[in-house]
Protein backbone atom coordinates (compact mmCIF):
# COMPACT_ATOMS: atom_id res chain seq x y z
CA MET A 1 15.06 -5.72 -20.77
CA ARG A 2 17.19 -8.79 -19.98
CA GLN A 3 16.30 -12.30 -19.69
CA THR A 4 16.98 -14.53 -16.71
CA THR A 5 16.40 -17.77 -15.35
CA TYR A 6 14.98 -18.75 -11.70
CA ARG A 7 14.49 -21.99 -10.40
CA THR A 8 11.10 -23.11 -9.36
CA ASN A 9 8.85 -26.16 -8.65
CA ASP A 10 5.24 -27.61 -9.80
CA THR A 11 3.62 -25.77 -6.78
CA LEU A 12 5.04 -22.34 -7.52
CA ARG A 13 4.68 -22.98 -11.64
CA ALA A 14 1.01 -23.88 -10.98
CA ALA A 15 0.46 -20.76 -8.64
CA VAL A 16 1.95 -18.61 -11.50
CA GLU A 17 -0.47 -20.08 -14.16
CA ARG A 18 -3.49 -19.42 -11.60
CA GLY A 19 -2.19 -15.79 -11.20
CA LEU A 20 -2.16 -15.40 -14.74
CA GLU A 21 -5.65 -16.90 -15.46
CA ARG A 22 -7.28 -15.20 -12.26
CA ASP A 23 -5.90 -11.72 -13.75
CA GLY A 24 -6.80 -12.44 -17.45
CA VAL A 25 -3.15 -12.64 -18.51
CA GLY A 26 -2.00 -14.90 -21.41
CA ALA A 27 1.22 -16.91 -21.54
CA ARG A 28 2.73 -14.29 -23.50
CA GLY A 29 2.32 -11.90 -20.45
CA ARG A 30 4.13 -14.07 -17.86
CA SER A 31 7.10 -11.88 -17.63
CA LYS A 32 5.16 -8.54 -17.18
CA TRP A 33 2.87 -10.41 -14.74
CA ILE A 34 5.90 -11.45 -12.55
CA CYS A 35 7.67 -8.11 -12.92
CA SER A 36 4.45 -6.53 -11.63
CA LYS A 37 4.32 -8.76 -8.58
CA ILE A 38 8.13 -8.36 -7.75
CA GLY A 39 7.31 -4.60 -7.86
CA ASN A 40 4.38 -5.06 -5.44
CA LEU A 41 6.36 -7.30 -2.92
CA ILE A 42 9.38 -4.70 -2.92
CA LYS A 43 7.27 -1.66 -2.31
CA GLY A 44 4.70 -3.52 -0.11
CA GLU A 45 7.19 -5.18 2.04
CA PRO A 46 10.02 -2.57 2.57
CA THR A 47 12.26 -5.20 5.08
CA LEU A 48 11.71 -7.90 2.37
CA GLU A 49 11.27 -10.76 5.38
CA SER A 50 9.53 -12.98 3.47
CA VAL A 51 12.18 -13.41 0.66
CA SER A 52 14.31 -16.09 2.26
CA ALA A 53 11.90 -16.96 5.18
CA ALA A 54 9.71 -19.09 2.76
CA GLU A 55 12.66 -21.00 1.07
CA GLY A 56 13.04 -23.27 4.10
CA LEU A 57 13.65 -27.04 2.98
CA ASP A 58 11.65 -26.58 -0.65
CA ASP A 59 13.35 -27.98 -3.71
CA PHE A 60 13.40 -26.24 -6.90
CA PRO A 61 14.20 -28.75 -9.55
CA LEU A 62 12.90 -26.55 -12.58
CA PHE A 63 14.07 -23.54 -14.33
CA GLN A 64 11.79 -20.78 -15.81
CA SER A 65 12.98 -18.07 -18.15
CA ILE A 66 11.47 -14.56 -17.85
CA GLN A 67 12.32 -11.15 -19.19
CA ILE A 68 12.96 -8.33 -16.60
CA ASP A 69 12.12 -4.77 -17.60
CA ASP A 70 14.46 -1.75 -16.43
CA GLU A 71 12.03 -0.79 -13.53
CA THR A 72 11.86 -4.24 -12.03
CA GLU A 73 15.91 -4.42 -12.29
CA ALA A 74 16.12 -1.15 -10.45
CA LEU A 75 13.63 -2.69 -7.75
CA ILE A 76 15.89 -5.98 -7.69
CA GLU A 77 19.35 -3.94 -7.16
CA HIS A 78 17.65 -2.31 -4.23
CA ALA A 79 16.42 -5.40 -2.89
CA TYR A 80 20.06 -6.64 -3.03
CA LEU A 81 21.10 -3.76 -0.99
CA VAL A 82 18.26 -4.29 1.70
CA ILE A 83 18.77 -8.09 1.98
CA ARG A 84 22.58 -7.96 1.93
CA SER A 85 22.21 -5.36 4.63
CA ILE A 86 20.56 -8.07 6.80
CA ASP A 87 22.40 -10.97 5.77
CA PRO A 88 25.92 -10.25 4.03
CA ARG A 89 26.08 -13.75 2.86
CA ALA A 90 22.76 -14.10 1.27
CA ASP A 91 22.70 -15.98 -1.74
CA GLY A 92 20.44 -16.53 -4.74
CA ILE A 93 18.70 -13.39 -3.91
CA GLN A 94 17.07 -12.96 -7.18
CA GLY A 95 15.32 -16.32 -7.38
CA ALA A 96 14.25 -16.16 -3.89
CA LEU A 97 12.71 -12.58 -4.56
CA ILE A 98 11.01 -14.01 -7.62
CA ARG A 99 9.69 -16.92 -5.69
CA ALA A 100 8.71 -14.64 -2.83
CA ALA A 101 6.70 -12.41 -5.03
CA ILE A 102 4.79 -15.44 -6.64
CA ARG A 103 4.11 -16.77 -3.29
CA ARG A 104 2.70 -13.40 -2.05
CA ALA A 105 0.51 -13.18 -5.43
CA ALA A 106 -0.95 -16.82 -4.72
CA ARG A 107 -1.87 -15.50 -1.27
CA GLY A 108 -4.00 -12.69 -3.12
CA ASP A 109 -1.66 -9.82 -1.41
CA GLY A 110 0.32 -9.26 -4.47
CA GLY A 111 -1.86 -6.69 -6.07
CA GLY A 112 -3.70 -6.84 -9.24
CA ARG A 113 -2.28 -6.58 -12.80
């Protein structure tokens, strides 16, 4: 496991809190919950089109830290390859991936725990 930090905003932070509450996960399970949502995104959306599409003009002034497990780390590495094959100059992929997974979960199509 490794710790990572991603940029977020109040809207996404609130979406995480609602998702944790909805799925019956306590604050100590936040990292595991987000990792599962990243996995659901990558497995459910092979082209990962939503990763950069939703970033738009949003501002992400806040920082949030989570622990990334080895399985999710491998999925993120795969996502880098997919996204860079589409846009070789893509930047901030990990943060965009985490935010896309949170958005997907907030819409209710991020799978269960």
